[in-house]
Amino acid sequence: MIDVLTAGGEPTGVVKPKRHVHRDGDWHRSVHVWIIAPDRRVLVQRRSLTKENNPGLWDVSCAGHISTGESAIESAIREAHEELGLDLDPRELRHVATLREQSVLNGGTYIDNEIHEVFVVERAIDLASLRLQVEEVDDVRWVTREELFALPRVSHAEEYAVVFGRSF
């Protein structure tokens, strides 16, 4: 269940299932976690081909909706564990931005009005140690900034500017 927000980001007191939030185009919160290695490469994931939005595109290291009653930090830790099998310490998460993003996908049947809480984690990770959630993630890899921009990827223009402006 997800908290519905006003266009200004304030809670409305309404809670809905994720599919209804996207059907109705409600504003809601999500987390995006970028994992950056000491050599400045970025961990990216290729979204599962079965995903409703942006299937098969490369994207942020891990991301997801903030559930009702959950903080952004709690959500970031949960998503890293669910999607990658990676355990994060809250002290590793550096909040770099709160961004608003709107998109309409799938012929207008998927309306995504999100407020992204964007975090960066600086850590070296052995890809072989990750346990990918098959419903969410098809593949992961380390890439340079230039390699990321050459991949077929989800468009997060403002987020890329914020994250890479501070990290590279």
N, C-alpha and C. Protein backbone atom coordinates (compact mmCIF):
# COMPACT_ATOMS: atom_id res chain seq x y z
N MET A 1 0.85 -1.17 0.00
CA MET A 1 0.00 0.00 0.00
C MET A 1 0.90 1.25 0.00
N ILE A 2 0.40 2.27 -0.69
CA ILE A 2 1.19 3.48 -0.91
C ILE A 2 0.38 4.71 -0.50
N ASP A 3 1.05 5.66 0.16
CA ASP A 3 0.42 6.92 0.53
C ASP A 3 0.25 7.80 -0.71
N VAL A 4 -0.95 8.34 -0.89
CA VAL A 4 -1.22 9.29 -1.96
C VAL A 4 -0.89 10.69 -1.44
N LEU A 5 -0.21 11.47 -2.28
CA LEU A 5 0.21 12.82 -1.91
C LEU A 5 -0.52 13.86 -2.75
N THR A 6 -0.50 15.09 -2.27
CA THR A 6 -0.97 16.20 -3.10
C THR A 6 0.10 16.49 -4.15
N ALA A 7 -0.21 17.33 -5.13
CA ALA A 7 0.79 17.72 -6.13
C ALA A 7 1.97 18.41 -5.47
N GLY A 8 1.76 19.01 -4.31
CA GLY A 8 2.84 19.66 -3.57
C GLY A 8 3.64 18.72 -2.69
N GLY A 9 3.23 17.44 -2.63
CA GLY A 9 3.98 16.45 -1.87
C GLY A 9 3.49 16.22 -0.46
N GLU A 10 2.36 16.80 -0.09
CA GLU A 10 1.82 16.61 1.25
C GLU A 10 0.93 15.37 1.30
N PRO A 11 0.93 14.63 2.41
CA PRO A 11 0.06 13.46 2.52
C PRO A 11 -1.42 13.87 2.46
N THR A 12 -2.21 13.06 1.78
CA THR A 12 -3.65 13.32 1.68
C THR A 12 -4.44 12.52 2.70
N GLY A 13 -3.80 11.50 3.30
CA GLY A 13 -4.51 10.59 4.19
C GLY A 13 -5.11 9.40 3.45
N VAL A 14 -4.98 9.40 2.11
CA VAL A 14 -5.49 8.31 1.30
C VAL A 14 -4.36 7.31 1.06
N VAL A 15 -4.69 6.04 1.13
CA VAL A 15 -3.73 4.96 0.89
C VAL A 15 -4.34 4.06 -0.18
N LYS A 16 -3.51 3.67 -1.17
CA LYS A 16 -4.00 2.84 -2.27
C LYS A 16 -2.97 1.78 -2.64
N PRO A 17 -3.43 0.71 -3.29
CA PRO A 17 -2.48 -0.24 -3.89
C PRO A 17 -1.71 0.43 -5.03
N LYS A 18 -0.51 -0.03 -5.28
CA LYS A 18 0.35 0.57 -6.31
C LYS A 18 -0.36 0.63 -7.66
N ARG A 19 -1.04 -0.42 -8.06
CA ARG A 19 -1.68 -0.43 -9.38
C ARG A 19 -2.74 0.66 -9.50
N HIS A 20 -3.43 0.98 -8.40
CA HIS A 20 -4.44 2.05 -8.43
C HIS A 20 -3.80 3.43 -8.46
N VAL A 21 -2.68 3.57 -7.77
CA VAL A 21 -1.94 4.84 -7.78
C VAL A 21 -1.52 5.17 -9.21
N HIS A 22 -1.02 4.17 -9.95
CA HIS A 22 -0.57 4.40 -11.32
C HIS A 22 -1.74 4.50 -12.30
N ARG A 23 -2.80 3.82 -12.04
CA ARG A 23 -4.00 3.93 -12.88
C ARG A 23 -4.58 5.34 -12.78
N ASP A 24 -4.59 5.88 -11.55
CA ASP A 24 -5.23 7.17 -11.28
C ASP A 24 -4.29 8.36 -11.42
N GLY A 25 -3.00 8.10 -11.56
CA GLY A 25 -2.02 9.18 -11.70
C GLY A 25 -1.77 9.95 -10.42
N ASP A 26 -1.92 9.28 -9.28
CA ASP A 26 -1.70 9.94 -7.99
C ASP A 26 -0.22 10.21 -7.75
N TRP A 27 0.07 11.33 -7.09
CA TRP A 27 1.43 11.61 -6.65
C TRP A 27 1.77 10.68 -5.50
N HIS A 28 3.01 10.18 -5.48
CA HIS A 28 3.47 9.27 -4.46
C HIS A 28 5.00 9.34 -4.38
N ARG A 29 5.57 8.70 -3.36
CA ARG A 29 7.02 8.76 -3.15
C ARG A 29 7.68 7.45 -3.53
N SER A 30 8.94 7.58 -3.97
CA SER A 30 9.77 6.43 -4.27
C SER A 30 11.20 6.73 -3.85
N VAL A 31 12.02 5.68 -3.83
CA VAL A 31 13.45 5.84 -3.56
C VAL A 31 14.23 5.35 -4.77
N HIS A 32 15.33 6.03 -5.03
CA HIS A 32 16.31 5.62 -6.04
C HIS A 32 17.66 5.57 -5.34
N VAL A 33 18.33 4.42 -5.44
CA VAL A 33 19.64 4.26 -4.81
C VAL A 33 20.67 4.01 -5.90
N TRP A 34 21.66 4.89 -5.98
CA TRP A 34 22.79 4.76 -6.91
C TRP A 34 23.98 4.25 -6.12
N ILE A 35 24.52 3.11 -6.52
CA ILE A 35 25.70 2.56 -5.88
C ILE A 35 26.90 2.87 -6.77
N ILE A 36 27.87 3.54 -6.18
CA ILE A 36 29.04 4.00 -6.92
C ILE A 36 30.29 3.42 -6.27
N ALA A 37 31.12 2.77 -7.09
CA ALA A 37 32.35 2.13 -6.62
C ALA A 37 33.44 3.18 -6.38
N PRO A 38 34.47 2.83 -5.63
CA PRO A 38 35.59 3.76 -5.41
C PRO A 38 36.23 4.25 -6.71
N ASP A 39 36.20 3.42 -7.76
CA ASP A 39 36.78 3.86 -9.04
C ASP A 39 35.80 4.69 -9.88
N ARG A 40 34.66 5.06 -9.29
CA ARG A 40 33.62 5.94 -9.85
C ARG A 40 32.69 5.24 -10.84
N ARG A 41 32.84 3.91 -11.05
CA ARG A 41 31.87 3.21 -11.87
C ARG A 41 30.55 3.12 -11.10
N VAL A 42 29.47 2.96 -11.86
CA VAL A 42 28.13 2.96 -11.30
C VAL A 42 27.50 1.58 -11.52
N LEU A 43 26.86 1.06 -10.48
CA LEU A 43 26.12 -0.19 -10.61
C LEU A 43 24.75 0.12 -11.20
N VAL A 44 24.44 -0.49 -12.34
CA VAL A 44 23.13 -0.32 -12.96
C VAL A 44 22.46 -1.68 -13.11
N GLN A 45 21.15 -1.64 -13.16
CA GLN A 45 20.38 -2.86 -13.36
C GLN A 45 19.57 -2.75 -14.65
N ARG A 46 19.43 -3.90 -15.31
CA ARG A 46 18.52 -3.95 -16.46
C ARG A 46 17.19 -4.48 -15.93
N ARG A 47 16.16 -3.69 -16.15
CA ARG A 47 14.83 -4.03 -15.65
C ARG A 47 14.31 -5.29 -16.34
N SER A 48 13.61 -6.10 -15.59
CA SER A 48 13.04 -7.33 -16.12
C SER A 48 12.15 -7.03 -17.33
N LEU A 49 12.13 -7.94 -18.27
CA LEU A 49 11.28 -7.80 -19.45
C LEU A 49 9.80 -7.93 -19.10
N THR A 50 9.50 -8.41 -17.90
CA THR A 50 8.11 -8.54 -17.47
C THR A 50 7.60 -7.32 -16.71
N LYS A 51 8.45 -6.32 -16.50
CA LYS A 51 8.02 -5.11 -15.79
C LYS A 51 6.97 -4.35 -16.61
N GLU A 52 6.02 -3.76 -15.92
CA GLU A 52 4.96 -2.99 -16.58
C GLU A 52 5.49 -1.70 -17.18
N ASN A 53 6.46 -1.10 -16.54
CA ASN A 53 7.02 0.15 -17.06
C ASN A 53 8.51 0.00 -17.35
N ASN A 54 8.91 0.47 -18.52
CA ASN A 54 10.30 0.48 -18.95
C ASN A 54 10.98 -0.89 -18.92
N PRO A 55 10.33 -1.94 -19.42
CA PRO A 55 10.95 -3.27 -19.40
C PRO A 55 12.21 -3.30 -20.27
N GLY A 56 13.23 -4.01 -19.75
CA GLY A 56 14.46 -4.23 -20.52
C GLY A 56 15.40 -3.05 -20.59
N LEU A 57 15.05 -1.92 -19.99
CA LEU A 57 15.94 -0.75 -20.00
C LEU A 57 16.86 -0.78 -18.79
N TRP A 58 18.03 -0.17 -18.95
CA TRP A 58 18.97 -0.03 -17.84
C TRP A 58 18.51 1.11 -16.95
N ASP A 59 18.76 0.96 -15.64
CA ASP A 59 18.21 1.93 -14.69
C ASP A 59 19.12 2.04 -13.47
N VAL A 60 18.70 2.86 -12.55
CA VAL A 60 19.36 3.09 -11.27
C VAL A 60 19.67 1.74 -10.59
N SER A 61 20.65 1.72 -9.68
CA SER A 61 21.08 0.47 -9.03
C SER A 61 19.91 -0.29 -8.43
N CYS A 62 19.07 0.39 -7.68
CA CYS A 62 17.82 -0.20 -7.19
C CYS A 62 16.85 0.93 -6.85
N ALA A 63 15.58 0.61 -6.92
CA ALA A 63 14.56 1.63 -6.71
C ALA A 63 13.25 0.96 -6.34
N GLY A 64 12.35 1.76 -5.78
CA GLY A 64 11.03 1.23 -5.48
C GLY A 64 10.16 2.25 -4.79
N HIS A 65 8.92 1.87 -4.62
CA HIS A 65 7.94 2.73 -3.96
C HIS A 65 8.13 2.71 -2.45
N ILE A 66 7.87 3.83 -1.83
CA ILE A 66 7.90 3.92 -0.38
C ILE A 66 6.53 3.48 0.12
N SER A 67 6.51 2.43 0.91
CA SER A 67 5.25 1.88 1.42
C SER A 67 4.69 2.75 2.54
N THR A 68 3.40 2.65 2.76
CA THR A 68 2.74 3.36 3.85
C THR A 68 3.44 3.06 5.17
N GLY A 69 3.75 4.12 5.91
CA GLY A 69 4.38 3.97 7.22
C GLY A 69 5.88 3.74 7.17
N GLU A 70 6.47 3.77 5.99
CA GLU A 70 7.89 3.49 5.83
C GLU A 70 8.64 4.80 5.55
N SER A 71 9.84 4.93 6.10
CA SER A 71 10.67 6.09 5.77
C SER A 71 11.40 5.83 4.46
N ALA A 72 11.97 6.89 3.90
CA ALA A 72 12.75 6.73 2.67
C ALA A 72 13.97 5.84 2.91
N ILE A 73 14.62 6.00 4.05
CA ILE A 73 15.79 5.17 4.39
C ILE A 73 15.37 3.70 4.50
N GLU A 74 14.28 3.44 5.20
CA GLU A 74 13.81 2.06 5.34
C GLU A 74 13.48 1.46 3.98
N SER A 75 12.86 2.24 3.12
CA SER A 75 12.51 1.77 1.79
C SER A 75 13.77 1.47 0.97
N ALA A 76 14.76 2.34 1.03
CA ALA A 76 16.01 2.14 0.29
C ALA A 76 16.70 0.85 0.73
N ILE A 77 16.74 0.61 2.03
CA ILE A 77 17.36 -0.61 2.56
C ILE A 77 16.56 -1.84 2.10
N ARG A 78 15.24 -1.76 2.17
CA ARG A 78 14.39 -2.88 1.75
C ARG A 78 14.56 -3.18 0.27
N GLU A 79 14.55 -2.15 -0.56
CA GLU A 79 14.67 -2.36 -2.01
C GLU A 79 16.02 -2.94 -2.39
N ALA A 80 17.10 -2.49 -1.75
CA ALA A 80 18.43 -3.04 -2.04
C ALA A 80 18.47 -4.53 -1.69
N HIS A 81 17.84 -4.88 -0.58
CA HIS A 81 17.82 -6.28 -0.18
C HIS A 81 16.94 -7.11 -1.12
N GLU A 82 15.74 -6.61 -1.43
CA GLU A 82 14.82 -7.37 -2.29
C GLU A 82 15.37 -7.54 -3.71
N GLU A 83 15.81 -6.45 -4.31
CA GLU A 83 16.20 -6.48 -5.73
C GLU A 83 17.59 -7.07 -5.97
N LEU A 84 18.51 -6.81 -5.04
CA LEU A 84 19.91 -7.19 -5.26
C LEU A 84 20.45 -8.19 -4.24
N GLY A 85 19.70 -8.44 -3.17
CA GLY A 85 20.23 -9.29 -2.10
C GLY A 85 21.35 -8.60 -1.35
N LEU A 86 21.33 -7.28 -1.36
CA LEU A 86 22.39 -6.47 -0.77
C LEU A 86 21.91 -5.83 0.53
N ASP A 87 22.69 -6.00 1.58
CA ASP A 87 22.35 -5.38 2.86
C ASP A 87 23.10 -4.07 3.01
N LEU A 88 22.33 -2.99 3.16
CA LEU A 88 22.91 -1.66 3.34
C LEU A 88 22.76 -1.22 4.79
N ASP A 89 23.72 -0.46 5.24
CA ASP A 89 23.66 0.18 6.54
C ASP A 89 23.08 1.58 6.32
N PRO A 90 22.15 2.02 7.15
CA PRO A 90 21.57 3.35 6.96
C PRO A 90 22.62 4.46 6.87
N ARG A 91 23.75 4.28 7.54
CA ARG A 91 24.80 5.31 7.51
C ARG A 91 25.48 5.42 6.17
N GLU A 92 25.33 4.39 5.30
CA GLU A 92 25.92 4.43 3.96
C GLU A 92 25.11 5.30 3.00
N LEU A 93 23.85 5.50 3.30
CA LEU A 93 22.95 6.20 2.39
C LEU A 93 23.11 7.71 2.52
N ARG A 94 23.54 8.34 1.44
CA ARG A 94 23.69 9.79 1.42
C ARG A 94 22.58 10.36 0.54
N HIS A 95 21.66 11.09 1.16
CA HIS A 95 20.54 11.70 0.42
C HIS A 95 21.08 12.87 -0.41
N VAL A 96 20.86 12.83 -1.73
CA VAL A 96 21.41 13.88 -2.59
C VAL A 96 20.33 14.76 -3.22
N ALA A 97 19.08 14.29 -3.23
CA ALA A 97 18.04 15.12 -3.86
C ALA A 97 16.66 14.54 -3.61
N THR A 98 15.69 15.43 -3.70
CA THR A 98 14.28 15.07 -3.79
C THR A 98 13.80 15.66 -5.10
N LEU A 99 13.39 14.80 -6.03
CA LEU A 99 13.04 15.24 -7.38
C LEU A 99 11.63 14.79 -7.74
N ARG A 100 10.97 15.60 -8.52
CA ARG A 100 9.63 15.25 -9.02
C ARG A 100 9.77 14.82 -10.48
N GLU A 101 9.11 13.72 -10.81
CA GLU A 101 9.16 13.23 -12.19
C GLU A 101 7.77 12.74 -12.59
N GLN A 102 7.36 13.11 -13.79
CA GLN A 102 6.07 12.69 -14.32
C GLN A 102 6.28 11.98 -15.65
N SER A 103 5.53 10.88 -15.86
CA SER A 103 5.55 10.21 -17.15
C SER A 103 4.24 9.46 -17.33
N VAL A 104 3.89 9.30 -18.59
CA VAL A 104 2.70 8.53 -18.95
C VAL A 104 3.17 7.46 -19.92
N LEU A 105 2.90 6.20 -19.58
CA LEU A 105 3.39 5.06 -20.35
C LEU A 105 2.23 4.16 -20.76
N ASN A 106 2.55 3.22 -21.62
CA ASN A 106 1.60 2.17 -22.01
C ASN A 106 0.28 2.73 -22.52
N GLY A 107 0.38 3.68 -23.43
CA GLY A 107 -0.82 4.24 -24.03
C GLY A 107 -1.73 4.97 -23.06
N GLY A 108 -1.13 5.51 -22.00
CA GLY A 108 -1.90 6.28 -21.03
C GLY A 108 -2.48 5.47 -19.89
N THR A 109 -2.21 4.17 -19.85
CA THR A 109 -2.77 3.33 -18.78
C THR A 109 -1.87 3.28 -17.54
N TYR A 110 -0.65 3.81 -17.64
CA TYR A 110 0.29 3.82 -16.52
C TYR A 110 0.76 5.26 -16.35
N ILE A 111 0.24 5.92 -15.33
CA ILE A 111 0.56 7.33 -15.08
C ILE A 111 1.44 7.40 -13.85
N ASP A 112 2.66 7.86 -14.03
CA ASP A 112 3.64 7.85 -12.95
C ASP A 112 3.98 9.27 -12.53
N ASN A 113 3.41 9.70 -11.42
CA ASN A 113 3.69 11.00 -10.81
C ASN A 113 4.41 10.74 -9.50
N GLU A 114 5.75 10.78 -9.55
CA GLU A 114 6.55 10.37 -8.40
C GLU A 114 7.42 11.50 -7.87
N ILE A 115 7.60 11.43 -6.57
CA ILE A 115 8.60 12.24 -5.89
C ILE A 115 9.70 11.27 -5.48
N HIS A 116 10.86 11.40 -6.14
CA HIS A 116 11.98 10.49 -5.90
C HIS A 116 12.87 11.02 -4.78
N GLU A 117 13.12 10.18 -3.81
CA GLU A 117 14.14 10.45 -2.80
C GLU A 117 15.39 9.74 -3.31
N VAL A 118 16.41 10.51 -3.68
CA VAL A 118 17.58 9.97 -4.36
C VAL A 118 18.75 9.86 -3.38
N PHE A 119 19.32 8.65 -3.33
CA PHE A 119 20.45 8.36 -2.44
C PHE A 119 21.64 7.87 -3.24
N VAL A 120 22.83 8.10 -2.70
CA VAL A 120 24.07 7.55 -3.24
C VAL A 120 24.72 6.73 -2.14
N VAL A 121 25.21 5.55 -2.52
CA VAL A 121 25.99 4.69 -1.64
C VAL A 121 27.33 4.48 -2.32
N GLU A 122 28.41 4.74 -1.60
CA GLU A 122 29.74 4.52 -2.16
C GLU A 122 30.29 3.23 -1.57
N ARG A 123 30.41 2.22 -2.46
CA ARG A 123 30.85 0.91 -1.99
C ARG A 123 31.26 0.05 -3.18
N ALA A 124 32.32 -0.72 -2.99
CA ALA A 124 32.70 -1.74 -3.97
C ALA A 124 31.87 -2.98 -3.68
N ILE A 125 31.33 -3.58 -4.72
CA ILE A 125 30.50 -4.77 -4.57
C ILE A 125 30.93 -5.79 -5.61
N ASP A 126 31.07 -7.03 -5.18
CA ASP A 126 31.34 -8.13 -6.10
C ASP A 126 30.00 -8.56 -6.70
N LEU A 127 29.84 -8.41 -8.01
CA LEU A 127 28.57 -8.72 -8.66
C LEU A 127 28.15 -10.17 -8.43
N ALA A 128 29.11 -11.07 -8.30
CA ALA A 128 28.80 -12.49 -8.08
C ALA A 128 28.11 -12.71 -6.73
N SER A 129 28.25 -11.78 -5.80
CA SER A 129 27.64 -11.93 -4.48
C SER A 129 26.18 -11.49 -4.46
N LEU A 130 25.71 -10.85 -5.52
CA LEU A 130 24.34 -10.34 -5.55
C LEU A 130 23.36 -11.46 -5.88
N ARG A 131 22.16 -11.35 -5.30
CA ARG A 131 21.05 -12.27 -5.58
C ARG A 131 19.92 -11.44 -6.20
N LEU A 132 19.79 -11.52 -7.50
CA LEU A 132 18.84 -10.68 -8.22
C LEU A 132 17.41 -11.20 -8.08
N GLN A 133 16.49 -10.29 -7.87
CA GLN A 133 15.07 -10.62 -7.81
C GLN A 133 14.56 -10.74 -9.25
N VAL A 134 14.29 -11.96 -9.69
CA VAL A 134 14.02 -12.21 -11.10
C VAL A 134 12.79 -11.47 -11.62
N GLU A 135 11.83 -11.17 -10.78
CA GLU A 135 10.64 -10.43 -11.22
C GLU A 135 10.97 -8.96 -11.52
N GLU A 136 12.06 -8.48 -10.99
CA GLU A 136 12.42 -7.07 -11.10
C GLU A 136 13.64 -6.81 -11.96
N VAL A 137 14.67 -7.67 -11.85
CA VAL A 137 15.99 -7.38 -12.40
C VAL A 137 16.47 -8.52 -13.28
N ASP A 138 16.81 -8.22 -14.54
CA ASP A 138 17.37 -9.22 -15.44
C ASP A 138 18.89 -9.32 -15.37
N ASP A 139 19.55 -8.20 -15.08
CA ASP A 139 21.02 -8.20 -15.10
C ASP A 139 21.51 -6.98 -14.34
N VAL A 140 22.76 -7.03 -13.92
CA VAL A 140 23.44 -5.87 -13.32
C VAL A 140 24.83 -5.79 -13.92
N ARG A 141 25.38 -4.60 -13.92
CA ARG A 141 26.77 -4.44 -14.36
C ARG A 141 27.31 -3.11 -13.82
N TRP A 142 28.64 -3.07 -13.76
CA TRP A 142 29.34 -1.82 -13.45
C TRP A 142 29.59 -1.09 -14.76
N VAL A 143 29.31 0.20 -14.80
CA VAL A 143 29.56 0.99 -16.00
C VAL A 143 30.16 2.34 -15.62
N THR A 144 30.87 2.90 -16.57
CA THR A 144 31.31 4.28 -16.41
C THR A 144 30.13 5.20 -16.75
N ARG A 145 30.28 6.45 -16.44
CA ARG A 145 29.23 7.42 -16.79
C ARG A 145 28.99 7.41 -18.29
N GLU A 146 30.06 7.38 -19.07
CA GLU A 146 29.93 7.40 -20.53
C GLU A 146 29.22 6.14 -21.03
N GLU A 147 29.55 4.99 -20.44
CA GLU A 147 28.89 3.74 -20.83
C GLU A 147 27.41 3.78 -20.48
N LEU A 148 27.06 4.34 -19.33
CA LEU A 148 25.66 4.45 -18.94
C LEU A 148 24.87 5.24 -19.98
N PHE A 149 25.43 6.36 -20.40
CA PHE A 149 24.70 7.22 -21.34
C PHE A 149 24.60 6.60 -22.74
N ALA A 150 25.40 5.56 -23.02
CA ALA A 150 25.31 4.86 -24.30
C ALA A 150 24.30 3.70 -24.26
N LEU A 151 23.86 3.31 -23.07
CA LEU A 151 22.93 2.19 -22.93
C LEU A 151 21.49 2.62 -23.18
N PRO A 152 20.63 1.70 -23.63
CA PRO A 152 19.19 2.01 -23.65
C PRO A 152 18.71 2.06 -22.19
N ARG A 153 18.35 3.24 -21.72
CA ARG A 153 18.11 3.42 -20.30
C ARG A 153 16.83 4.20 -20.04
N VAL A 154 16.35 4.10 -18.81
CA VAL A 154 15.21 4.90 -18.37
C VAL A 154 15.66 6.35 -18.31
N SER A 155 14.82 7.23 -18.76
CA SER A 155 15.16 8.65 -18.79
C SER A 155 14.91 9.29 -17.43
N HIS A 156 15.97 9.70 -16.78
CA HIS A 156 15.90 10.44 -15.51
C HIS A 156 16.84 11.64 -15.64
N ALA A 157 16.59 12.51 -16.60
CA ALA A 157 17.53 13.58 -16.94
C ALA A 157 17.96 14.41 -15.74
N GLU A 158 17.02 14.89 -14.96
CA GLU A 158 17.37 15.74 -13.82
C GLU A 158 18.15 14.95 -12.78
N GLU A 159 17.77 13.71 -12.58
CA GLU A 159 18.47 12.86 -11.62
C GLU A 159 19.91 12.58 -12.05
N TYR A 160 20.11 12.28 -13.33
CA TYR A 160 21.47 12.07 -13.82
C TYR A 160 22.33 13.30 -13.55
N ALA A 161 21.79 14.48 -13.80
CA ALA A 161 22.56 15.71 -13.59
C ALA A 161 22.94 15.88 -12.12
N VAL A 162 22.01 15.60 -11.24
CA VAL A 162 22.28 15.76 -9.81
C VAL A 162 23.29 14.72 -9.34
N VAL A 163 23.06 13.46 -9.65
CA VAL A 163 23.93 12.39 -9.15
C VAL A 163 25.32 12.49 -9.74
N PHE A 164 25.41 12.63 -11.04
CA PHE A 164 26.73 12.63 -11.67
C PHE A 164 27.45 13.95 -11.50
N GLY A 165 26.73 15.00 -11.28
CA GLY A 165 27.36 16.28 -11.00
C GLY A 165 28.07 16.27 -9.65
N ARG A 166 27.56 15.45 -8.74
CA ARG A 166 28.15 15.37 -7.41
C ARG A 166 29.10 14.19 -7.26
N SER A 167 29.00 13.22 -8.13
CA SER A 167 29.75 11.98 -7.91
C SER A 167 30.90 11.77 -8.86
N PHE A 168 30.93 12.50 -9.96
CA PHE A 168 31.98 12.29 -10.96
C PHE A 168 32.78 13.56 -11.15
